[in-house]
């Protein structure tokens, strides 16, 4: 289970984490609902990674009820807008994981 962050990450730091995840430098997990939406909407994981690498923040960084920080990142792929909701989770060993929770067209 995740632990809460000591202080709020800066928007710049959050975008750095998102870009690192898109480049494969950080761990990326998909929620079950995101997996189902990917399949339902015929969206490839490559498209999600591209959105994380090149996307812009469409929903600002904010804390959720569990103490995790989240934001949304959007990018256009083949003329269609792709929005990926990301949650930053801090693990027991201090490792940061990025969880794709929502994938919208």
PDB file of N, CA and C in Angstrom:
ATOM      1  N   UNK A   1       0.832  -1.182   0.000  1.00  0.00           N
ATOM      2  CA  UNK A   1       0.000   0.000   0.000  1.00  0.00           C
ATOM      3  C   UNK A   1       0.872   1.239   0.000  1.00  0.00           C
ATOM      4  N   UNK A   2       0.355   2.306  -0.505  1.00  0.00           N
ATOM      5  CA  UNK A   2       1.155   3.505  -0.616  1.00  0.00           C
ATOM      6  C   UNK A   2       1.230   4.260   0.705  1.00  0.00           C
ATOM      7  N   UNK A   3       2.284   5.010   0.846  1.00  0.00           N
ATOM      8  CA  UNK A   3       2.407   5.894   1.986  1.00  0.00           C
ATOM      9  C   UNK A   3       2.226   7.309   1.475  1.00  0.00           C
ATOM     10  N   UNK A   4       1.859   8.213   2.361  1.00  0.00           N
ATOM     11  CA  UNK A   4       1.622   9.586   1.934  1.00  0.00           C
ATOM     12  C   UNK A   4       2.944  10.313   1.764  1.00  0.00           C
ATOM     13  N   UNK A   5       2.942  11.310   0.915  1.00  0.00           N
ATOM     14  CA  UNK A   5       4.120  12.127   0.703  1.00  0.00           C
ATOM     15  C   UNK A   5       4.269  13.089   1.869  1.00  0.00           C
ATOM     16  N   UNK A   6       5.502  13.429   2.212  1.00  0.00           N
ATOM     17  CA  UNK A   6       5.738  14.361   3.310  1.00  0.00           C
ATOM     18  C   UNK A   6       5.233  15.752   2.964  1.00  0.00           C
ATOM     19  N   UNK A   7       5.452  16.181   1.738  1.00  0.00           N
ATOM     20  CA  UNK A   7       4.994  17.490   1.308  1.00  0.00           C
ATOM     21  C   UNK A   7       4.515  17.397  -0.135  1.00  0.00           C
ATOM     22  N   UNK A   8       3.780  18.398  -0.536  1.00  0.00           N
ATOM     23  CA  UNK A   8       3.228  18.413  -1.882  1.00  0.00           C
ATOM     24  C   UNK A   8       4.352  18.533  -2.910  1.00  0.00           C
ATOM     25  N   UNK A   9       4.359  17.635  -3.905  1.00  0.00           N
ATOM     26  CA  UNK A   9       5.353  17.795  -4.977  1.00  0.00           C
ATOM     27  C   UNK A   9       4.996  19.020  -5.818  1.00  0.00           C
ATOM     28  N   UNK A  10       5.997  19.646  -6.364  1.00  0.00           N
ATOM     29  CA  UNK A  10       5.730  20.801  -7.220  1.00  0.00           C
ATOM     30  C   UNK A  10       5.192  20.316  -8.567  1.00  0.00           C
ATOM     31  N   UNK A  11       4.423  21.151  -9.263  1.00  0.00           N
ATOM     32  CA  UNK A  11       3.946  20.758 -10.590  1.00  0.00           C
ATOM     33  C   UNK A  11       5.092  20.390 -11.533  1.00  0.00           C
ATOM     34  N   UNK A  12       6.194  21.090 -11.425  1.00  0.00           N
ATOM     35  CA  UNK A  12       7.360  20.786 -12.259  1.00  0.00           C
ATOM     36  C   UNK A  12       7.924  19.402 -11.945  1.00  0.00           C
ATOM     37  N   UNK A  13       7.998  19.076 -10.657  1.00  0.00           N
ATOM     38  CA  UNK A  13       8.488  17.774 -10.232  1.00  0.00           C
ATOM     39  C   UNK A  13       7.543  16.668 -10.709  1.00  0.00           C
ATOM     40  N   UNK A  14       6.242  16.906 -10.615  1.00  0.00           N
ATOM     41  CA  UNK A  14       5.255  15.922 -11.068  1.00  0.00           C
ATOM     42  C   UNK A  14       5.396  15.666 -12.567  1.00  0.00           C
ATOM     43  N   UNK A  15       5.564  16.712 -13.358  1.00  0.00           N
ATOM     44  CA  UNK A  15       5.722  16.537 -14.807  1.00  0.00           C
ATOM     45  C   UNK A  15       7.025  15.819 -15.124  1.00  0.00           C
ATOM     46  N   UNK A  16       8.046  16.062 -14.338  1.00  0.00           N
ATOM     47  CA  UNK A  16       9.316  15.351 -14.514  1.00  0.00           C
ATOM     48  C   UNK A  16       9.107  13.855 -14.285  1.00  0.00           C
ATOM     49  N   UNK A  17       8.348  13.504 -13.240  1.00  0.00           N
ATOM     50  CA  UNK A  17       8.044  12.100 -12.956  1.00  0.00           C
ATOM     51  C   UNK A  17       7.238  11.475 -14.086  1.00  0.00           C
ATOM     52  N   UNK A  18       6.271  12.231 -14.618  1.00  0.00           N
ATOM     53  CA  UNK A  18       5.444  11.728 -15.720  1.00  0.00           C
ATOM     54  C   UNK A  18       6.306  11.457 -16.945  1.00  0.00           C
ATOM     55  N   UNK A  19       7.170  12.402 -17.295  1.00  0.00           N
ATOM     56  CA  UNK A  19       8.053  12.236 -18.460  1.00  0.00           C
ATOM     57  C   UNK A  19       9.005  11.048 -18.262  1.00  0.00           C
ATOM     58  N   UNK A  20       9.560  10.902 -17.058  1.00  0.00           N
ATOM     59  CA  UNK A  20      10.440   9.767 -16.767  1.00  0.00           C
ATOM     60  C   UNK A  20       9.693   8.448 -16.918  1.00  0.00           C
ATOM     61  N   UNK A  21       8.439   8.424 -16.514  1.00  0.00           N
ATOM     62  CA  UNK A  21       7.620   7.219 -16.664  1.00  0.00           C
ATOM     63  C   UNK A  21       7.395   6.908 -18.130  1.00  0.00           C
ATOM     64  N   UNK A  22       7.094   7.923 -18.918  1.00  0.00           N
ATOM     65  CA  UNK A  22       6.897   7.730 -20.354  1.00  0.00           C
ATOM     66  C   UNK A  22       8.145   7.230 -21.049  1.00  0.00           C
ATOM     67  N   UNK A  23       9.298   7.581 -20.512  1.00  0.00           N
ATOM     68  CA  UNK A  23      10.572   7.145 -21.084  1.00  0.00           C
ATOM     69  C   UNK A  23      11.066   5.824 -20.501  1.00  0.00           C
ATOM     70  N   UNK A  24      10.279   5.212 -19.601  1.00  0.00           N
ATOM     71  CA  UNK A  24      10.644   3.920 -19.036  1.00  0.00           C
ATOM     72  C   UNK A  24      11.588   3.975 -17.854  1.00  0.00           C
ATOM     73  N   UNK A  25      11.804   5.159 -17.289  1.00  0.00           N
ATOM     74  CA  UNK A  25      12.728   5.289 -16.166  1.00  0.00           C
ATOM     75  C   UNK A  25      12.050   5.097 -14.818  1.00  0.00           C
ATOM     76  N   UNK A  26      10.735   5.124 -14.799  1.00  0.00           N
ATOM     77  CA  UNK A  26       9.966   4.902 -13.576  1.00  0.00           C
ATOM     78  C   UNK A  26       8.941   3.806 -13.819  1.00  0.00           C
ATOM     79  N   UNK A  27       8.524   3.181 -12.761  1.00  0.00           N
ATOM     80  CA  UNK A  27       7.569   2.089 -12.832  1.00  0.00           C
ATOM     81  C   UNK A  27       6.181   2.620 -13.203  1.00  0.00           C
ATOM     82  N   UNK A  28       5.537   1.960 -14.155  1.00  0.00           N
ATOM     83  CA  UNK A  28       4.188   2.327 -14.585  1.00  0.00           C
ATOM     84  C   UNK A  28       3.264   1.142 -14.372  1.00  0.00           C
ATOM     85  N   UNK A  29       2.167   1.383 -13.683  1.00  0.00           N
ATOM     86  CA  UNK A  29       1.150   0.372 -13.440  1.00  0.00           C
ATOM     87  C   UNK A  29      -0.160   0.852 -14.051  1.00  0.00           C
ATOM     88  N   UNK A  30      -0.987  -0.086 -14.480  1.00  0.00           N
ATOM     89  CA  UNK A  30      -2.311   0.255 -14.997  1.00  0.00           C
ATOM     90  C   UNK A  30      -3.360  -0.311 -14.053  1.00  0.00           C
ATOM     91  N   UNK A  31      -4.369   0.500 -13.719  1.00  0.00           N
ATOM     92  CA  UNK A  31      -5.474  -0.008 -12.916  1.00  0.00           C
ATOM     93  C   UNK A  31      -6.317  -0.938 -13.782  1.00  0.00           C
ATOM     94  N   UNK A  32      -7.132  -1.750 -13.148  1.00  0.00           N
ATOM     95  CA  UNK A  32      -7.983  -2.672 -13.894  1.00  0.00           C
ATOM     96  C   UNK A  32      -8.944  -1.927 -14.806  1.00  0.00           C
ATOM     97  N   UNK A  33      -9.490  -0.825 -14.319  1.00  0.00           N
ATOM     98  CA  UNK A  33     -10.418  -0.059 -15.156  1.00  0.00           C
ATOM     99  C   UNK A  33      -9.707   0.559 -16.355  1.00  0.00           C
ATOM    100  N   UNK A  34      -8.469   0.978 -16.159  1.00  0.00           N
ATOM    101  CA  UNK A  34      -7.706   1.530 -17.285  1.00  0.00           C
ATOM    102  C   UNK A  34      -7.428   0.440 -18.315  1.00  0.00           C
ATOM    103  N   UNK A  35      -7.088  -0.759 -17.853  1.00  0.00           N
ATOM    104  CA  UNK A  35      -6.857  -1.888 -18.767  1.00  0.00           C
ATOM    105  C   UNK A  35      -8.114  -2.172 -19.591  1.00  0.00           C
ATOM    106  N   UNK A  36      -9.269  -2.158 -18.933  1.00  0.00           N
ATOM    107  CA  UNK A  36     -10.533  -2.429 -19.631  1.00  0.00           C
ATOM    108  C   UNK A  36     -10.839  -1.345 -20.656  1.00  0.00           C
ATOM    109  N   UNK A  37     -10.583  -0.089 -20.284  1.00  0.00           N
ATOM    110  CA  UNK A  37     -10.834   1.007 -21.230  1.00  0.00           C
ATOM    111  C   UNK A  37      -9.878   0.975 -22.414  1.00  0.00           C
ATOM    112  N   UNK A  38      -8.629   0.607 -22.161  1.00  0.00           N
ATOM    113  CA  UNK A  38      -7.670   0.479 -23.262  1.00  0.00           C
ATOM    114  C   UNK A  38      -8.187  -0.520 -24.292  1.00  0.00           C
ATOM    115  N   UNK A  39      -8.628  -1.655 -23.802  1.00  0.00           N
ATOM    116  CA  UNK A  39      -9.121  -2.706 -24.691  1.00  0.00           C
ATOM    117  C   UNK A  39     -10.406  -2.278 -25.398  1.00  0.00           C
ATOM    118  N   UNK A  40     -11.330  -1.686 -24.637  1.00  0.00           N
ATOM    119  CA  UNK A  40     -12.620  -1.261 -25.176  1.00  0.00           C
ATOM    120  C   UNK A  40     -12.462  -0.205 -26.269  1.00  0.00           C
ATOM    121  N   UNK A  41     -11.530   0.715 -26.079  1.00  0.00           N
ATOM    122  CA  UNK A  41     -11.355   1.832 -27.018  1.00  0.00           C
ATOM    123  C   UNK A  41     -10.231   1.607 -28.018  1.00  0.00           C
ATOM    124  N   UNK A  42      -9.672   0.403 -28.033  1.00  0.00           N
ATOM    125  CA  UNK A  42      -8.602   0.048 -28.970  1.00  0.00           C
ATOM    126  C   UNK A  42      -7.435   1.030 -28.892  1.00  0.00           C
ATOM    127  N   UNK A  43      -6.997   1.282 -27.657  1.00  0.00           N
ATOM    128  CA  UNK A  43      -5.859   2.165 -27.408  1.00  0.00           C
ATOM    129  C   UNK A  43      -4.684   1.294 -26.987  1.00  0.00           C
ATOM    130  N   UNK A  44      -3.552   1.493 -27.626  1.00  0.00           N
ATOM    131  CA  UNK A  44      -2.351   0.720 -27.320  1.00  0.00           C
ATOM    132  C   UNK A  44      -1.576   1.366 -26.172  1.00  0.00           C
ATOM    133  N   UNK A  45      -0.825   0.538 -25.454  1.00  0.00           N
ATOM    134  CA  UNK A  45       0.019   1.063 -24.374  1.00  0.00           C
ATOM    135  C   UNK A  45       1.023   2.081 -24.907  1.00  0.00           C
ATOM    136  N   UNK A  46       1.458   1.872 -26.142  1.00  0.00           N
ATOM    137  CA  UNK A  46       2.398   2.810 -26.768  1.00  0.00           C
ATOM    138  C   UNK A  46       1.808   4.215 -26.819  1.00  0.00           C
ATOM    139  N   UNK A  47       0.496   4.314 -27.077  1.00  0.00           N
ATOM    140  CA  UNK A  47      -0.162   5.606 -27.126  1.00  0.00           C
ATOM    141  C   UNK A  47      -0.185   6.264 -25.744  1.00  0.00           C
ATOM    142  N   UNK A  48      -0.387   5.458 -24.705  1.00  0.00           N
ATOM    143  CA  UNK A  48      -0.377   5.981 -23.344  1.00  0.00           C
ATOM    144  C   UNK A  48       1.018   6.497 -22.998  1.00  0.00           C
ATOM    145  N   UNK A  49       2.046   5.723 -23.364  1.00  0.00           N
ATOM    146  CA  UNK A  49       3.420   6.158 -23.101  1.00  0.00           C
ATOM    147  C   UNK A  49       3.748   7.442 -23.852  1.00  0.00           C
ATOM    148  N   UNK A  50       3.246   7.555 -25.073  1.00  0.00           N
ATOM    149  CA  UNK A  50       3.465   8.772 -25.853  1.00  0.00           C
ATOM    150  C   UNK A  50       2.791   9.971 -25.182  1.00  0.00           C
ATOM    151  N   UNK A  51       1.588   9.761 -24.656  1.00  0.00           N
ATOM    152  CA  UNK A  51       0.889  10.830 -23.936  1.00  0.00           C
ATOM    153  C   UNK A  51       1.670  11.251 -22.701  1.00  0.00           C
ATOM    154  N   UNK A  52       2.244  10.282 -21.991  1.00  0.00           N
ATOM    155  CA  UNK A  52       3.037  10.613 -20.811  1.00  0.00           C
ATOM    156  C   UNK A  52       4.324  11.339 -21.191  1.00  0.00           C
ATOM    157  N   UNK A  53       4.933  10.939 -22.301  1.00  0.00           N
ATOM    158  CA  UNK A  53       6.195  11.565 -22.740  1.00  0.00           C
ATOM    159  C   UNK A  53       5.999  12.993 -23.220  1.00  0.00           C
ATOM    160  N   UNK A  54       4.932  13.211 -24.004  1.00  0.00           N
ATOM    161  CA  UNK A  54       4.788  14.495 -24.690  1.00  0.00           C
ATOM    162  C   UNK A  54       3.612  15.338 -24.206  1.00  0.00           C
ATOM    163  N   UNK A  55       2.761  14.769 -23.351  1.00  0.00           N
ATOM    164  CA  UNK A  55       1.507  15.426 -22.983  1.00  0.00           C
ATOM    165  C   UNK A  55       1.661  16.666 -22.123  1.00  0.00           C
ATOM    166  N   UNK A  56       0.546  17.354 -22.004  1.00  0.00           N
ATOM    167  CA  UNK A  56       0.449  18.558 -21.179  1.00  0.00           C
ATOM    168  C   UNK A  56      -0.573  18.311 -20.084  1.00  0.00           C
ATOM    169  N   UNK A  57      -0.402  18.979 -18.961  1.00  0.00           N
ATOM    170  CA  UNK A  57      -1.313  18.803 -17.833  1.00  0.00           C
ATOM    171  C   UNK A  57      -2.685  19.365 -18.201  1.00  0.00           C
ATOM    172  N   UNK A  58      -3.715  18.521 -18.087  1.00  0.00           N
ATOM    173  CA  UNK A  58      -5.074  18.981 -18.363  1.00  0.00           C
ATOM    174  C   UNK A  58      -5.893  19.108 -17.072  1.00  0.00           C
ATOM    175  N   UNK A  59      -5.429  18.477 -16.004  1.00  0.00           N
ATOM    176  CA  UNK A  59      -6.022  18.639 -14.677  1.00  0.00           C
ATOM    177  C   UNK A  59      -4.863  18.825 -13.707  1.00  0.00           C
ATOM    178  N   UNK A  60      -4.855  19.931 -12.967  1.00  0.00           N
ATOM    179  CA  UNK A  60      -3.704  20.223 -12.110  1.00  0.00           C
ATOM    180  C   UNK A  60      -3.489  19.197 -11.004  1.00  0.00           C
ATOM    181  N   UNK A  61      -2.297  19.197 -10.488  1.00  0.00           N
ATOM    182  CA  UNK A  61      -1.890  18.319  -9.406  1.00  0.00           C
ATOM    183  C   UNK A  61      -2.723  18.601  -8.159  1.00  0.00           C
ATOM    184  N   UNK A  62      -3.282  17.541  -7.571  1.00  0.00           N
ATOM    185  CA  UNK A  62      -4.068  17.686  -6.353  1.00  0.00           C
ATOM    186  C   UNK A  62      -4.005  16.390  -5.540  1.00  0.00           C
ATOM    187  N   UNK A  63      -4.302  16.500  -4.251  1.00  0.00           N
ATOM    188  CA  UNK A  63      -4.293  15.336  -3.370  1.00  0.00           C
ATOM    189  C   UNK A  63      -5.652  14.655  -3.410  1.00  0.00           C
ATOM    190  N   UNK A  64      -5.647  13.321  -3.329  1.00  0.00           N
ATOM    191  CA  UNK A  64      -6.914  12.601  -3.246  1.00  0.00           C
ATOM    192  C   UNK A  64      -7.172  12.208  -1.789  1.00  0.00           C
ATOM    193  N   UNK A  65      -8.262  11.518  -1.544  1.00  0.00           N
ATOM    194  CA  UNK A  65      -8.653  11.157  -0.177  1.00  0.00           C
ATOM    195  C   UNK A  65      -7.655  10.222   0.499  1.00  0.00           C
ATOM    196  N   UNK A  66      -6.896   9.473  -0.281  1.00  0.00           N
ATOM    197  CA  UNK A  66      -5.920   8.524   0.279  1.00  0.00           C
ATOM    198  C   UNK A  66      -4.570   9.156   0.586  1.00  0.00           C
ATOM    199  N   UNK A  67      -4.403  10.415   0.213  1.00  0.00           N
ATOM    200  CA  UNK A  67      -3.134  11.090   0.448  1.00  0.00           C
ATOM    201  C   UNK A  67      -2.168  10.993  -0.710  1.00  0.00           C
ATOM    202  N   UNK A  68      -2.593  10.367  -1.805  1.00  0.00           N
ATOM    203  CA  UNK A  68      -1.763  10.293  -3.007  1.00  0.00           C
ATOM    204  C   UNK A  68      -1.983  11.560  -3.837  1.00  0.00           C
ATOM    205  N   UNK A  69      -1.011  11.866  -4.676  1.00  0.00           N
ATOM    206  CA  UNK A  69      -1.122  13.033  -5.548  1.00  0.00           C
ATOM    207  C   UNK A  69      -1.478  12.558  -6.947  1.00  0.00           C
ATOM    208  N   UNK A  70      -2.346  13.305  -7.615  1.00  0.00           N
ATOM    209  CA  UNK A  70      -2.792  12.917  -8.951  1.00  0.00           C
ATOM    210  C   UNK A  70      -2.948  14.137  -9.848  1.00  0.00           C
ATOM    211  N   UNK A  71      -2.893  13.864 -11.139  1.00  0.00           N
ATOM    212  CA  UNK A  71      -3.140  14.879 -12.156  1.00  0.00           C
ATOM    213  C   UNK A  71      -3.555  14.152 -13.432  1.00  0.00           C
ATOM    214  N   UNK A  72      -3.946  14.887 -14.441  1.00  0.00           N
ATOM    215  CA  UNK A  72      -4.274  14.299 -15.734  1.00  0.00           C
ATOM    216  C   UNK A  72      -3.384  14.924 -16.796  1.00  0.00           C
ATOM    217  N   UNK A  73      -2.994  14.103 -17.765  1.00  0.00           N
ATOM    218  CA  UNK A  73      -2.122  14.537 -18.853  1.00  0.00           C
ATOM    219  C   UNK A  73      -2.825  14.207 -20.165  1.00  0.00           C
ATOM    220  N   UNK A  74      -2.843  15.167 -21.086  1.00  0.00           N
ATOM    221  CA  UNK A  74      -3.503  14.958 -22.377  1.00  0.00           C
ATOM    222  C   UNK A  74      -2.528  15.140 -23.526  1.00  0.00           C
ATOM    223  N   UNK A  75      -2.794  14.407 -24.603  1.00  0.00           N
ATOM    224  CA  UNK A  75      -1.984  14.472 -25.808  1.00  0.00           C
ATOM    225  C   UNK A  75      -2.837  14.008 -26.985  1.00  0.00           C
ATOM    226  N   UNK A  76      -2.533  14.486 -28.157  1.00  0.00           N
ATOM    227  CA  UNK A  76      -3.255  14.070 -29.356  1.00  0.00           C
ATOM    228  C   UNK A  76      -2.487  12.958 -30.060  1.00  0.00           C
ATOM    229  N   UNK A  77      -3.204  11.928 -30.439  1.00  0.00           N
ATOM    230  CA  UNK A  77      -2.613  10.818 -31.184  1.00  0.00           C
ATOM    231  C   UNK A  77      -3.536  10.501 -32.342  1.00  0.00           C
ATOM    232  N   UNK A  78      -3.022  10.588 -33.557  1.00  0.00           N
ATOM    233  CA  UNK A  78      -3.793  10.330 -34.771  1.00  0.00           C
ATOM    234  C   UNK A  78      -5.049  11.194 -34.816  1.00  0.00           C
ATOM    235  N   UNK A  79      -4.939  12.429 -34.358  1.00  0.00           N
ATOM    236  CA  UNK A  79      -6.053  13.368 -34.408  1.00  0.00           C
ATOM    237  C   UNK A  79      -7.055  13.238 -33.286  1.00  0.00           C
ATOM    238  N   UNK A  80      -6.881  12.283 -32.402  1.00  0.00           N
ATOM    239  CA  UNK A  80      -7.802  12.088 -31.286  1.00  0.00           C
ATOM    240  C   UNK A  80      -7.104  12.434 -29.975  1.00  0.00           C
ATOM    241  N   UNK A  81      -7.844  13.103 -29.104  1.00  0.00           N
ATOM    242  CA  UNK A  81      -7.286  13.477 -27.808  1.00  0.00           C
ATOM    243  C   UNK A  81      -7.295  12.272 -26.874  1.00  0.00           C
ATOM    244  N   UNK A  82      -6.181  12.050 -26.210  1.00  0.00           N
ATOM    245  CA  UNK A  82      -6.037  10.967 -25.242  1.00  0.00           C
ATOM    246  C   UNK A  82      -5.679  11.596 -23.898  1.00  0.00           C
ATOM    247  N   UNK A  83      -6.489  11.325 -22.873  1.00  0.00           N
ATOM    248  CA  UNK A  83      -6.240  11.844 -21.532  1.00  0.00           C
ATOM    249  C   UNK A  83      -5.946  10.685 -20.606  1.00  0.00           C
ATOM    250  N   UNK A  84      -4.842  10.785 -19.900  1.00  0.00           N
ATOM    251  CA  UNK A  84      -4.420   9.748 -18.972  1.00  0.00           C
ATOM    252  C   UNK A  84      -4.393  10.344 -17.572  1.00  0.00           C
ATOM    253  N   UNK A  85      -5.153   9.744 -16.667  1.00  0.00           N
ATOM    254  CA  UNK A  85      -5.090  10.140 -15.266  1.00  0.00           C
ATOM    255  C   UNK A  85      -3.946   9.404 -14.612  1.00  0.00           C
ATOM    256  N   UNK A  86      -3.111  10.116 -13.888  1.00  0.00           N
ATOM    257  CA  UNK A  86      -1.968   9.483 -13.229  1.00  0.00           C
ATOM    258  C   UNK A  86      -2.016   9.740 -11.725  1.00  0.00           C
ATOM    259  N   UNK A  87      -1.619   8.722 -10.972  1.00  0.00           N
ATOM    260  CA  UNK A  87      -1.523   8.828  -9.520  1.00  0.00           C
ATOM    261  C   UNK A  87      -0.089   8.506  -9.139  1.00  0.00           C
ATOM    262  N   UNK A  88       0.493   9.350  -8.306  1.00  0.00           N
ATOM    263  CA  UNK A  88       1.848   9.119  -7.829  1.00  0.00           C
ATOM    264  C   UNK A  88       1.754   8.398  -6.491  1.00  0.00           C
ATOM    265  N   UNK A  89       2.327   7.195  -6.416  1.00  0.00           N
ATOM    266  CA  UNK A  89       2.285   6.391  -5.200  1.00  0.00           C
ATOM    267  C   UNK A  89       3.702   6.164  -4.707  1.00  0.00           C
ATOM    268  N   UNK A  90       3.899   6.405  -3.439  1.00  0.00           N
ATOM    269  CA  UNK A  90       5.194   6.179  -2.816  1.00  0.00           C
ATOM    270  C   UNK A  90       5.158   4.826  -2.121  1.00  0.00           C
ATOM    271  N   UNK A  91       6.071   3.937  -2.511  1.00  0.00           N
ATOM    272  CA  UNK A  91       6.115   2.593  -1.941  1.00  0.00           C
ATOM    273  C   UNK A  91       6.850   2.551  -0.623  1.00  0.00           C
ATOM    274  N   UNK A  92       6.899   1.353  -0.029  1.00  0.00           N
ATOM    275  CA  UNK A  92       7.559   1.164   1.265  1.00  0.00           C
ATOM    276  C   UNK A  92       9.046   1.474   1.210  1.00  0.00           C
ATOM    277  N   UNK A  93       9.689   1.136   0.086  1.00  0.00           N
ATOM    278  CA  UNK A  93      11.121   1.374  -0.046  1.00  0.00           C
ATOM    279  C   UNK A  93      11.459   2.771  -0.528  1.00  0.00           C
ATOM    280  N   UNK A  94      10.457   3.641  -0.630  1.00  0.00           N
ATOM    281  CA  UNK A  94      10.683   4.991  -1.101  1.00  0.00           C
ATOM    282  C   UNK A  94      10.621   5.115  -2.604  1.00  0.00           C
ATOM    283  N   UNK A  95      10.380   3.979  -3.306  1.00  0.00           N
ATOM    284  CA  UNK A  95      10.259   4.020  -4.758  1.00  0.00           C
ATOM    285  C   UNK A  95       8.945   4.662  -5.152  1.00  0.00           C
ATOM    286  N   UNK A  96       8.984   5.430  -6.201  1.00  0.00           N
ATOM    287  CA  UNK A  96       7.789   6.088  -6.703  1.00  0.00           C
ATOM    288  C   UNK A  96       7.234   5.300  -7.866  1.00  0.00           C
ATOM    289  N   UNK A  97       5.944   5.022  -7.830  1.00  0.00           N
ATOM    290  CA  UNK A  97       5.260   4.373  -8.943  1.00  0.00           C
ATOM    291  C   UNK A  97       4.223   5.330  -9.495  1.00  0.00           C
ATOM    292  N   UNK A  98       4.024   5.266 -10.776  1.00  0.00           N
ATOM    293  CA  UNK A  98       2.987   6.057 -11.431  1.00  0.00           C
ATOM    294  C   UNK A  98       1.919   5.085 -11.896  1.00  0.00           C
ATOM    295  N   UNK A  99       0.677   5.337 -11.501  1.00  0.00           N
ATOM    296  CA  UNK A  99      -0.430   4.459 -11.849  1.00  0.00           C
ATOM    297  C   UNK A  99      -1.347   5.181 -12.816  1.00  0.00           C
ATOM    298  N   UNK A 100      -1.565   4.568 -13.979  1.00  0.00           N
ATOM    299  CA  UNK A 100      -2.526   5.111 -14.939  1.00  0.00           C
ATOM    300  C   UNK A 100      -3.901   4.631 -14.493  1.00  0.00           C
ATOM    301  N   UNK A 101      -4.740   5.564 -14.061  1.00  0.00           N
ATOM    302  CA  UNK A 101      -6.036   5.184 -13.503  1.00  0.00           C
ATOM    303  C   UNK A 101      -7.181   5.399 -14.455  1.00  0.00           C
ATOM    304  N   UNK A 102      -7.012   6.257 -15.433  1.00  0.00           N
ATOM    305  CA  UNK A 102      -8.132   6.612 -16.285  1.00  0.00           C
ATOM    306  C   UNK A 102      -7.612   6.900 -17.672  1.00  0.00           C
ATOM    307  N   UNK A 103      -8.187   6.290 -18.638  1.00  0.00           N
ATOM    308  CA  UNK A 103      -7.780   6.549 -20.007  1.00  0.00           C
ATOM    309  C   UNK A 103      -9.031   6.943 -20.771  1.00  0.00           C
ATOM    310  N   UNK A 104      -9.056   8.144 -21.298  1.00  0.00           N
ATOM    311  CA  UNK A 104     -10.214   8.652 -22.023  1.00  0.00           C
ATOM    312  C   UNK A 104      -9.806   9.048 -23.435  1.00  0.00           C
ATOM    313  N   UNK A 105     -10.763   9.009 -24.309  1.00  0.00           N
ATOM    314  CA  UNK A 105     -10.535   9.477 -25.667  1.00  0.00           C
ATOM    315  C   UNK A 105     -10.882  10.911 -25.811  1.00  0.00           C
TER     316      UNK A 105
END
